[in-house]
Structure formats: C-alpha cells, structure tokens
C-alpha cells in the first residue's frame, strides 16, 4: 500500500488543520497544563496544534518535530507560531536529551508512526520526571476520521483507499495498553467529538479531497467514476436548508505522567 505523505502545508491546513484545532482546543481544555512549561510537539506537521499551545498555554519553549520539510516550512511561516522552534526529525528517534520537557505530546500522529510503542517510549524518554505525556488521534476504526465519508464510499465502489499503517493504535484500549506498558501513571482517557461546517458540498469536496490519502486516487480515476463518487458522498452528507454541510468527527485522547524516581 502506498505511503501517505504530508508535504503540502497549505493543503493540509485547509483539509486537516481546521479539524486539528477543533479537537486540539478540547484536548488542551482537558489537559489543563500549567503555564511556563517546556513543550515538545512530535509530528507537529504544519504547526496547527503548536500554534494552539503557544496561544493558550504561555509555554516557556515549544519544539516542533516532523519528518516533512514542506510541512515545517509552512509552520515556520505561521504568525501565531513565532517563537516555536521547528526541525526535521523522526518520532522514533527524537533529537533531544532524556528528561528535557515538561510536556511531550503528539497530535493526530500515532497511527502514522511505524512502531507506536517505540514512538511513545521516545515521548516518555524526553519528558521530565513528573512530566505530562499525552496524545489525541482520530478514531480510525469506528467512523471517527474526518475523511470517512469519502473513504467509505471509495471502498463501497470496490476500490482500496490508502490508510494509515497502524490504525489499531487509535483504539482507546490500545492507547491505554501503550501508556501502561510505557510505565506512565495517573493515566486518563476520553473521547473528543467535534463538528465542522462547510458552506456547501462543493467547498467540502474541494477541501477534503486534498488529502494525500485521497487526491492521488481521484486523479487516476475515470471522470465517470469521480462523478459517481461525488454523488455517493453528497448523498451521504445531507445539506441543511441553506446548503451547508455539517458533520462530526471523533478522536481518542490519553494522558499520563512520567513517574518520579524512587
């Protein structure tokens, strides 16, 4: 199956950045972090969640790590992300010393990490004793992913859309098992439900089909099949009386603390 690559920060902002901030607002409300912390945002992408941390948490420092230089270039241009430090890096081999951060987080990333357990172990390693380790990720297996209206209809047409490699890592029980295995304490989980509204179906289609898991497939489809797919998705998402399209997505979140040494 082809790898899903996020290299276009502007397209990602339209397609997923808005969704990320909707869920990220609820996530930060739930975390209730203190101000003045040292943060690392692993898989920061185009900086959508990093910007939230800066605007809401008065951090002493934020480090953003992502494998895509294209995404990072967009992040560095965000007016609201000035002051954050962005660099290319691997979630499974973070370029920081042990016990460096008060808060180590991933936003919508874990299902893309080839070895989630190793990625979580790295989060724990770079967190300070007593520090916060947390993530939120779309519920990929039970209809919570924002792109599911399109992906479900692609599958119904007998095609095989590209999916993240570790979707099972999005389950709440899987997240809990990872956090327990990593030795974290004070573990809590929750669901985050959010809703996004588009002006009409055309706006929805233009924005959501920018996804790197969808755009290449649509580009290769015969025009008749694209038209059929549009019709099927539009039927799946009834518009309000004024033509707007509103639907919900759902993420799973987990938080825990790195134990203090005995």
C-alpha atoms as a PDB file:
ATOM      1  CA  UNK A   1       0.000   0.000   0.000  1.00  0.00           C
ATOM      2  CA  UNK A   2       1.391   3.455  -0.874  1.00  0.00           C
ATOM      3  CA  UNK A   3       2.775   5.568   1.965  1.00  0.00           C
ATOM      4  CA  UNK A   4       0.705   8.584   2.994  1.00  0.00           C
ATOM      5  CA  UNK A   5       2.960  11.637   2.838  1.00  0.00           C
ATOM      6  CA  UNK A   6       2.047  15.076   4.152  1.00  0.00           C
ATOM      7  CA  UNK A   7       4.244  17.533   2.278  1.00  0.00           C
ATOM      8  CA  UNK A   8       1.898  20.398   1.336  1.00  0.00           C
ATOM      9  CA  UNK A   9       1.406  22.526   4.438  1.00  0.00           C
ATOM     10  CA  UNK A  10      -1.137  24.851   2.820  1.00  0.00           C
ATOM     11  CA  UNK A  11      -3.318  21.996   1.548  1.00  0.00           C
ATOM     12  CA  UNK A  12      -3.073  20.276   4.927  1.00  0.00           C
ATOM     13  CA  UNK A  13      -4.186  23.487   6.622  1.00  0.00           C
ATOM     14  CA  UNK A  14      -7.406  23.575   4.593  1.00  0.00           C
ATOM     15  CA  UNK A  15      -8.058  19.852   4.816  1.00  0.00           C
ATOM     16  CA  UNK A  16      -6.976  18.860   8.334  1.00  0.00           C
ATOM     17  CA  UNK A  17      -5.620  21.939  10.133  1.00  0.00           C
ATOM     18  CA  UNK A  18      -9.123  23.174  10.959  1.00  0.00           C
ATOM     19  CA  UNK A  19     -10.147  19.745  12.260  1.00  0.00           C
ATOM     20  CA  UNK A  20      -6.930  19.516  14.282  1.00  0.00           C
ATOM     21  CA  UNK A  21      -7.567  22.813  16.050  1.00  0.00           C
ATOM     22  CA  UNK A  22     -11.190  21.908  16.796  1.00  0.00           C
ATOM     23  CA  UNK A  23     -10.062  18.739  18.560  1.00  0.00           C
ATOM     24  CA  UNK A  24      -6.935  20.401  19.957  1.00  0.00           C
ATOM     25  CA  UNK A  25      -8.951  23.045  21.797  1.00  0.00           C
ATOM     26  CA  UNK A  26     -10.888  20.348  23.646  1.00  0.00           C
ATOM     27  CA  UNK A  27      -7.680  18.384  24.249  1.00  0.00           C
ATOM     28  CA  UNK A  28      -5.934  21.343  25.895  1.00  0.00           C
ATOM     29  CA  UNK A  29      -9.012  22.137  27.992  1.00  0.00           C
ATOM     30  CA  UNK A  30      -8.808  18.564  29.263  1.00  0.00           C
ATOM     31  CA  UNK A  31      -5.046  18.588  29.885  1.00  0.00           C
ATOM     32  CA  UNK A  32      -5.227  21.799  31.944  1.00  0.00           C
ATOM     33  CA  UNK A  33      -1.455  22.320  31.673  1.00  0.00           C
ATOM     34  CA  UNK A  34       0.356  24.839  33.807  1.00  0.00           C
ATOM     35  CA  UNK A  35       1.852  27.893  32.130  1.00  0.00           C
ATOM     36  CA  UNK A  36       5.568  28.332  31.562  1.00  0.00           C
ATOM     37  CA  UNK A  37       6.254  24.701  30.585  1.00  0.00           C
ATOM     38  CA  UNK A  38       8.793  23.320  28.131  1.00  0.00           C
ATOM     39  CA  UNK A  39       6.816  21.525  25.364  1.00  0.00           C
ATOM     40  CA  UNK A  40       7.647  19.149  22.540  1.00  0.00           C
ATOM     41  CA  UNK A  41       5.085  18.654  19.763  1.00  0.00           C
ATOM     42  CA  UNK A  42       6.053  15.452  17.935  1.00  0.00           C
ATOM     43  CA  UNK A  43       4.665  15.161  14.426  1.00  0.00           C
ATOM     44  CA  UNK A  44       3.855  18.865  14.503  1.00  0.00           C
ATOM     45  CA  UNK A  45       3.091  18.928  10.770  1.00  0.00           C
ATOM     46  CA  UNK A  46       2.260  22.452   9.624  1.00  0.00           C
ATOM     47  CA  UNK A  47       2.095  23.767  13.185  1.00  0.00           C
ATOM     48  CA  UNK A  48      -1.691  23.806  13.693  1.00  0.00           C
ATOM     49  CA  UNK A  49      -1.519  22.321  17.190  1.00  0.00           C
ATOM     50  CA  UNK A  50       1.779  24.055  18.012  1.00  0.00           C
ATOM     51  CA  UNK A  51       0.044  27.370  17.417  1.00  0.00           C
ATOM     52  CA  UNK A  52      -2.667  26.398  19.902  1.00  0.00           C
ATOM     53  CA  UNK A  53      -0.079  25.599  22.567  1.00  0.00           C
ATOM     54  CA  UNK A  54       1.556  28.987  22.046  1.00  0.00           C
ATOM     55  CA  UNK A  55      -1.711  30.921  22.136  1.00  0.00           C
ATOM     56  CA  UNK A  56      -3.255  29.143  25.103  1.00  0.00           C
ATOM     57  CA  UNK A  57      -0.528  27.753  27.362  1.00  0.00           C
ATOM     58  CA  UNK A  58       2.097  30.533  27.657  1.00  0.00           C
ATOM     59  CA  UNK A  59       4.906  27.991  27.212  1.00  0.00           C
ATOM     60  CA  UNK A  60       8.497  28.786  28.079  1.00  0.00           C
ATOM     61  CA  UNK A  61       9.539  26.909  24.934  1.00  0.00           C
ATOM     62  CA  UNK A  62       7.979  24.751  22.212  1.00  0.00           C
ATOM     63  CA  UNK A  63       9.932  22.379  19.987  1.00  0.00           C
ATOM     64  CA  UNK A  64       8.133  21.048  16.907  1.00  0.00           C
ATOM     65  CA  UNK A  65       9.407  17.873  15.222  1.00  0.00           C
ATOM     66  CA  UNK A  66       8.200  16.496  11.890  1.00  0.00           C
ATOM     67  CA  UNK A  67       9.677  14.426   9.033  1.00  0.00           C
ATOM     68  CA  UNK A  68       8.272  16.706   6.299  1.00  0.00           C
ATOM     69  CA  UNK A  69      10.285  19.798   5.440  1.00  0.00           C
ATOM     70  CA  UNK A  70       7.335  21.029   3.379  1.00  0.00           C
ATOM     71  CA  UNK A  71       5.081  20.975   6.425  1.00  0.00           C
ATOM     72  CA  UNK A  72       7.737  22.579   8.592  1.00  0.00           C
ATOM     73  CA  UNK A  73       8.214  25.399   6.076  1.00  0.00           C
ATOM     74  CA  UNK A  74       4.523  26.244   6.446  1.00  0.00           C
ATOM     75  CA  UNK A  75       4.768  26.002  10.249  1.00  0.00           C
ATOM     76  CA  UNK A  76       7.647  28.485  10.319  1.00  0.00           C
ATOM     77  CA  UNK A  77       5.515  30.967   8.367  1.00  0.00           C
ATOM     78  CA  UNK A  78       2.583  30.882  10.806  1.00  0.00           C
ATOM     79  CA  UNK A  79       2.269  34.259  12.549  1.00  0.00           C
ATOM     80  CA  UNK A  80       0.850  32.506  15.614  1.00  0.00           C
ATOM     81  CA  UNK A  81       3.730  30.036  15.773  1.00  0.00           C
ATOM     82  CA  UNK A  82       6.512  32.588  16.048  1.00  0.00           C
ATOM     83  CA  UNK A  83       8.683  31.661  18.966  1.00  0.00           C
ATOM     84  CA  UNK A  84       8.389  27.924  18.387  1.00  0.00           C
ATOM     85  CA  UNK A  85      11.427  26.015  17.124  1.00  0.00           C
ATOM     86  CA  UNK A  86      10.778  23.626  14.239  1.00  0.00           C
ATOM     87  CA  UNK A  87      13.127  20.964  12.964  1.00  0.00           C
ATOM     88  CA  UNK A  88      13.034  17.810  10.893  1.00  0.00           C
ATOM     89  CA  UNK A  89      13.128  14.612  12.899  1.00  0.00           C
ATOM     90  CA  UNK A  90      11.843  11.100  13.489  1.00  0.00           C
ATOM     91  CA  UNK A  91       9.254  10.359  16.183  1.00  0.00           C
ATOM     92  CA  UNK A  92      11.075   7.121  16.976  1.00  0.00           C
ATOM     93  CA  UNK A  93      14.449   8.836  17.474  1.00  0.00           C
ATOM     94  CA  UNK A  94      13.932  12.297  18.902  1.00  0.00           C
ATOM     95  CA  UNK A  95      16.962  14.626  18.755  1.00  0.00           C
ATOM     96  CA  UNK A  96      16.774  15.647  22.417  1.00  0.00           C
ATOM     97  CA  UNK A  97      18.319  14.545  25.677  1.00  0.00           C
ATOM     98  CA  UNK A  98      16.461  12.472  28.226  1.00  0.00           C
ATOM     99  CA  UNK A  99      14.303  14.429  30.703  1.00  0.00           C
ATOM    100  CA  UNK A 100      14.161  17.605  28.561  1.00  0.00           C
ATOM    101  CA  UNK A 101      10.458  18.601  28.521  1.00  0.00           C
ATOM    102  CA  UNK A 102       7.614  19.217  30.937  1.00  0.00           C
ATOM    103  CA  UNK A 103       5.000  18.226  28.330  1.00  0.00           C
ATOM    104  CA  UNK A 104       5.538  15.727  25.498  1.00  0.00           C
ATOM    105  CA  UNK A 105       2.605  15.460  23.106  1.00  0.00           C
ATOM    106  CA  UNK A 106       1.537  14.076  19.737  1.00  0.00           C
ATOM    107  CA  UNK A 107      -1.447  15.489  17.850  1.00  0.00           C
ATOM    108  CA  UNK A 108      -3.106  13.188  15.266  1.00  0.00           C
ATOM    109  CA  UNK A 109       0.149  11.319  14.667  1.00  0.00           C
ATOM    110  CA  UNK A 110       0.332   7.924  16.355  1.00  0.00           C
ATOM    111  CA  UNK A 111      -1.301   5.842  13.582  1.00  0.00           C
ATOM    112  CA  UNK A 112       1.401   7.063  11.179  1.00  0.00           C
ATOM    113  CA  UNK A 113       4.319   6.035  13.423  1.00  0.00           C
ATOM    114  CA  UNK A 114       5.683   2.697  12.120  1.00  0.00           C
ATOM    115  CA  UNK A 115       6.243   1.421  15.666  1.00  0.00           C
ATOM    116  CA  UNK A 116       3.827   3.240  18.014  1.00  0.00           C
ATOM    117  CA  UNK A 117       5.304   1.665  21.140  1.00  0.00           C
ATOM    118  CA  UNK A 118       8.753   2.984  20.215  1.00  0.00           C
ATOM    119  CA  UNK A 119       7.339   6.432  19.463  1.00  0.00           C
ATOM    120  CA  UNK A 120       5.638   6.523  22.853  1.00  0.00           C
ATOM    121  CA  UNK A 121       8.822   5.320  24.551  1.00  0.00           C
ATOM    122  CA  UNK A 122      10.620   8.286  22.975  1.00  0.00           C
ATOM    123  CA  UNK A 123       7.941  10.679  24.268  1.00  0.00           C
ATOM    124  CA  UNK A 124       8.439   9.247  27.737  1.00  0.00           C
ATOM    125  CA  UNK A 125      12.226   9.385  27.461  1.00  0.00           C
ATOM    126  CA  UNK A 126      12.345  13.097  26.641  1.00  0.00           C
ATOM    127  CA  UNK A 127       9.714  14.002  29.268  1.00  0.00           C
ATOM    128  CA  UNK A 128      10.955  15.054  32.675  1.00  0.00           C
ATOM    129  CA  UNK A 129      10.009  13.024  35.779  1.00  0.00           C
ATOM    130  CA  UNK A 130       6.547  14.204  36.727  1.00  0.00           C
ATOM    131  CA  UNK A 131       6.040  15.498  33.183  1.00  0.00           C
ATOM    132  CA  UNK A 132       2.950  15.133  31.032  1.00  0.00           C
ATOM    133  CA  UNK A 133       2.821  12.635  28.147  1.00  0.00           C
ATOM    134  CA  UNK A 134      -0.316  12.822  26.006  1.00  0.00           C
ATOM    135  CA  UNK A 135      -1.835  12.332  22.578  1.00  0.00           C
ATOM    136  CA  UNK A 136      -5.072  12.592  20.663  1.00  0.00           C
ATOM    137  CA  UNK A 137      -5.785  10.633  17.494  1.00  0.00           C
ATOM    138  CA  UNK A 138      -8.827  10.199  15.276  1.00  0.00           C
ATOM    139  CA  UNK A 139     -10.861   7.054  15.930  1.00  0.00           C
ATOM    140  CA  UNK A 140      -9.794   5.352  12.701  1.00  0.00           C
ATOM    141  CA  UNK A 141     -11.711   2.087  13.156  1.00  0.00           C
ATOM    142  CA  UNK A 142     -15.187   3.199  14.194  1.00  0.00           C
ATOM    143  CA  UNK A 143     -16.131   6.062  11.899  1.00  0.00           C
ATOM    144  CA  UNK A 144     -14.429   8.925  13.721  1.00  0.00           C
ATOM    145  CA  UNK A 145     -11.991  10.034  10.990  1.00  0.00           C
ATOM    146  CA  UNK A 146     -12.987  13.291   9.220  1.00  0.00           C
ATOM    147  CA  UNK A 147     -12.307  11.725   5.812  1.00  0.00           C
ATOM    148  CA  UNK A 148     -14.513   8.681   6.439  1.00  0.00           C
ATOM    149  CA  UNK A 149     -17.458   9.963   4.343  1.00  0.00           C
ATOM    150  CA  UNK A 150     -15.203   9.851   1.270  1.00  0.00           C
ATOM    151  CA  UNK A 151     -13.148   6.800   2.196  1.00  0.00           C
ATOM    152  CA  UNK A 152     -16.262   4.726   2.946  1.00  0.00           C
ATOM    153  CA  UNK A 153     -17.734   5.456  -0.468  1.00  0.00           C
ATOM    154  CA  UNK A 154     -14.435   4.720  -2.222  1.00  0.00           C
ATOM    155  CA  UNK A 155     -14.457   1.325  -0.509  1.00  0.00           C
ATOM    156  CA  UNK A 156     -18.127   0.783  -1.408  1.00  0.00           C
ATOM    157  CA  UNK A 157     -17.179   1.260  -5.072  1.00  0.00           C
ATOM    158  CA  UNK A 158     -14.795  -1.694  -4.753  1.00  0.00           C
ATOM    159  CA  UNK A 159     -11.622   0.351  -4.518  1.00  0.00           C
ATOM    160  CA  UNK A 160      -8.958   0.228  -1.808  1.00  0.00           C
ATOM    161  CA  UNK A 161      -8.129   3.657  -0.371  1.00  0.00           C
ATOM    162  CA  UNK A 162      -4.763   4.244   1.253  1.00  0.00           C
ATOM    163  CA  UNK A 163      -4.996   4.046   5.029  1.00  0.00           C
ATOM    164  CA  UNK A 164      -2.543   4.864   7.847  1.00  0.00           C
ATOM    165  CA  UNK A 165      -0.324   1.865   8.650  1.00  0.00           C
ATOM    166  CA  UNK A 166      -1.218   1.490  12.343  1.00  0.00           C
ATOM    167  CA  UNK A 167      -4.918   2.325  12.617  1.00  0.00           C
ATOM    168  CA  UNK A 168      -5.390  -0.100  15.518  1.00  0.00           C
ATOM    169  CA  UNK A 169      -3.307   2.273  17.647  1.00  0.00           C
ATOM    170  CA  UNK A 170      -6.251   4.694  17.655  1.00  0.00           C
ATOM    171  CA  UNK A 171      -8.431   2.484  19.883  1.00  0.00           C
ATOM    172  CA  UNK A 172      -8.822   3.634  23.479  1.00  0.00           C
ATOM    173  CA  UNK A 173      -7.898   0.211  24.815  1.00  0.00           C
ATOM    174  CA  UNK A 174      -4.782   0.166  22.641  1.00  0.00           C
ATOM    175  CA  UNK A 175      -3.772   3.626  23.838  1.00  0.00           C
ATOM    176  CA  UNK A 176      -4.274   2.584  27.457  1.00  0.00           C
ATOM    177  CA  UNK A 177      -2.133  -0.521  26.914  1.00  0.00           C
ATOM    178  CA  UNK A 178       0.656   1.586  25.376  1.00  0.00           C
ATOM    179  CA  UNK A 179       0.607   4.092  28.249  1.00  0.00           C
ATOM    180  CA  UNK A 180       0.628   1.337  30.877  1.00  0.00           C
ATOM    181  CA  UNK A 181       3.448  -0.530  29.115  1.00  0.00           C
ATOM    182  CA  UNK A 182       5.464   2.706  28.984  1.00  0.00           C
ATOM    183  CA  UNK A 183       5.304   2.903  32.786  1.00  0.00           C
ATOM    184  CA  UNK A 184       3.203   6.053  32.941  1.00  0.00           C
ATOM    185  CA  UNK A 185       0.990   6.832  35.922  1.00  0.00           C
ATOM    186  CA  UNK A 186      -2.195   8.859  36.531  1.00  0.00           C
ATOM    187  CA  UNK A 187      -3.496   7.658  33.160  1.00  0.00           C
ATOM    188  CA  UNK A 188      -6.801   9.071  31.914  1.00  0.00           C
ATOM    189  CA  UNK A 189      -8.625   8.706  28.589  1.00  0.00           C
ATOM    190  CA  UNK A 190     -11.544  10.418  26.892  1.00  0.00           C
ATOM    191  CA  UNK A 191     -13.347  10.822  23.587  1.00  0.00           C
ATOM    192  CA  UNK A 192     -13.336  14.174  21.799  1.00  0.00           C
ATOM    193  CA  UNK A 193     -16.264  14.868  19.449  1.00  0.00           C
ATOM    194  CA  UNK A 194     -16.113  17.893  17.150  1.00  0.00           C
ATOM    195  CA  UNK A 195     -18.184  19.268  14.281  1.00  0.00           C
ATOM    196  CA  UNK A 196     -17.104  21.207  11.215  1.00  0.00           C
ATOM    197  CA  UNK A 197     -19.376  23.108   8.829  1.00  0.00           C
ATOM    198  CA  UNK A 198     -18.728  23.775   5.132  1.00  0.00           C
ATOM    199  CA  UNK A 199     -20.568  26.431   3.140  1.00  0.00           C
ATOM    200  CA  UNK A 200     -21.795  23.861   0.629  1.00  0.00           C
ATOM    201  CA  UNK A 201     -20.893  20.483  -0.808  1.00  0.00           C
ATOM    202  CA  UNK A 202     -18.537  21.995  -3.374  1.00  0.00           C
ATOM    203  CA  UNK A 203     -16.446  23.550  -0.601  1.00  0.00           C
ATOM    204  CA  UNK A 204     -16.398  20.250   1.275  1.00  0.00           C
ATOM    205  CA  UNK A 205     -15.311  18.361  -1.832  1.00  0.00           C
ATOM    206  CA  UNK A 206     -12.583  20.810  -2.826  1.00  0.00           C
ATOM    207  CA  UNK A 207     -11.133  20.890   0.695  1.00  0.00           C
ATOM    208  CA  UNK A 208     -11.351  17.284   1.855  1.00  0.00           C
ATOM    209  CA  UNK A 209     -10.178  15.708  -1.405  1.00  0.00           C
ATOM    210  CA  UNK A 210      -6.824  17.478  -0.949  1.00  0.00           C
ATOM    211  CA  UNK A 211      -5.913  14.686   1.486  1.00  0.00           C
ATOM    212  CA  UNK A 212      -2.810  12.759   0.381  1.00  0.00           C
ATOM    213  CA  UNK A 213      -4.688   9.506   1.017  1.00  0.00           C
ATOM    214  CA  UNK A 214      -7.410  10.557  -1.451  1.00  0.00           C
ATOM    215  CA  UNK A 215      -6.075  13.045  -4.021  1.00  0.00           C
ATOM    216  CA  UNK A 216      -3.773  10.619  -5.939  1.00  0.00           C
ATOM    217  CA  UNK A 217      -6.530   8.015  -6.204  1.00  0.00           C
ATOM    218  CA  UNK A 218      -9.103  10.525  -7.508  1.00  0.00           C
ATOM    219  CA  UNK A 219      -6.550  11.863 -10.001  1.00  0.00           C
ATOM    220  CA  UNK A 220      -6.239   8.373 -11.509  1.00  0.00           C
ATOM    221  CA  UNK A 221      -9.973   7.581 -11.576  1.00  0.00           C
ATOM    222  CA  UNK A 222     -12.002   7.876 -14.802  1.00  0.00           C
ATOM    223  CA  UNK A 223     -14.101  11.030 -14.791  1.00  0.00           C
ATOM    224  CA  UNK A 224     -17.306   8.979 -14.701  1.00  0.00           C
ATOM    225  CA  UNK A 225     -16.136   7.242 -11.538  1.00  0.00           C
ATOM    226  CA  UNK A 226     -15.223  10.562  -9.947  1.00  0.00           C
ATOM    227  CA  UNK A 227     -18.720  11.837 -10.710  1.00  0.00           C
ATOM    228  CA  UNK A 228     -20.221   8.697  -9.183  1.00  0.00           C
ATOM    229  CA  UNK A 229     -18.084   9.082  -6.088  1.00  0.00           C
ATOM    230  CA  UNK A 230     -19.156  12.713  -5.700  1.00  0.00           C
ATOM    231  CA  UNK A 231     -22.809  11.726  -5.965  1.00  0.00           C
ATOM    232  CA  UNK A 232     -22.415   8.957  -3.391  1.00  0.00           C
ATOM    233  CA  UNK A 233     -20.591  11.189  -0.893  1.00  0.00           C
ATOM    234  CA  UNK A 234     -23.094  14.013  -1.395  1.00  0.00           C
ATOM    235  CA  UNK A 235     -25.959  11.615  -0.683  1.00  0.00           C
ATOM    236  CA  UNK A 236     -24.151  10.518   2.476  1.00  0.00           C
ATOM    237  CA  UNK A 237     -23.886  14.117   3.749  1.00  0.00           C
ATOM    238  CA  UNK A 238     -27.309  15.777   3.548  1.00  0.00           C
ATOM    239  CA  UNK A 239     -27.166  19.562   3.359  1.00  0.00           C
ATOM    240  CA  UNK A 240     -29.121  21.913   5.579  1.00  0.00           C
ATOM    241  CA  UNK A 241     -31.824  24.150   4.108  1.00  0.00           C
ATOM    242  CA  UNK A 242     -29.213  26.805   3.264  1.00  0.00           C
ATOM    243  CA  UNK A 243     -26.901  24.275   1.608  1.00  0.00           C
ATOM    244  CA  UNK A 244     -24.340  23.945   4.380  1.00  0.00           C
ATOM    245  CA  UNK A 245     -22.672  20.622   5.117  1.00  0.00           C
ATOM    246  CA  UNK A 246     -22.020  19.864   8.790  1.00  0.00           C
ATOM    247  CA  UNK A 247     -20.752  16.601  10.206  1.00  0.00           C
ATOM    248  CA  UNK A 248     -18.913  15.284  13.217  1.00  0.00           C
ATOM    249  CA  UNK A 249     -15.600  13.559  13.790  1.00  0.00           C
ATOM    250  CA  UNK A 250     -14.320  11.802  16.896  1.00  0.00           C
ATOM    251  CA  UNK A 251     -10.862  11.478  18.417  1.00  0.00           C
ATOM    252  CA  UNK A 252      -9.474   9.435  21.286  1.00  0.00           C
ATOM    253  CA  UNK A 253      -7.202  11.105  23.829  1.00  0.00           C
ATOM    254  CA  UNK A 254      -4.965   9.838  26.602  1.00  0.00           C
ATOM    255  CA  UNK A 255      -2.691  11.456  29.152  1.00  0.00           C
ATOM    256  CA  UNK A 256      -0.349  10.251  31.860  1.00  0.00           C
ATOM    257  CA  UNK A 257       2.624  11.300  33.958  1.00  0.00           C
ATOM    258  CA  UNK A 258       6.218  10.117  33.885  1.00  0.00           C
ATOM    259  CA  UNK A 259       6.971   8.712  37.337  1.00  0.00           C
ATOM    260  CA  UNK A 260       9.342  10.437  39.672  1.00  0.00           C
ATOM    261  CA  UNK A 261      12.452   8.364  40.521  1.00  0.00           C
ATOM    262  CA  UNK A 262      12.107   6.319  43.685  1.00  0.00           C
END
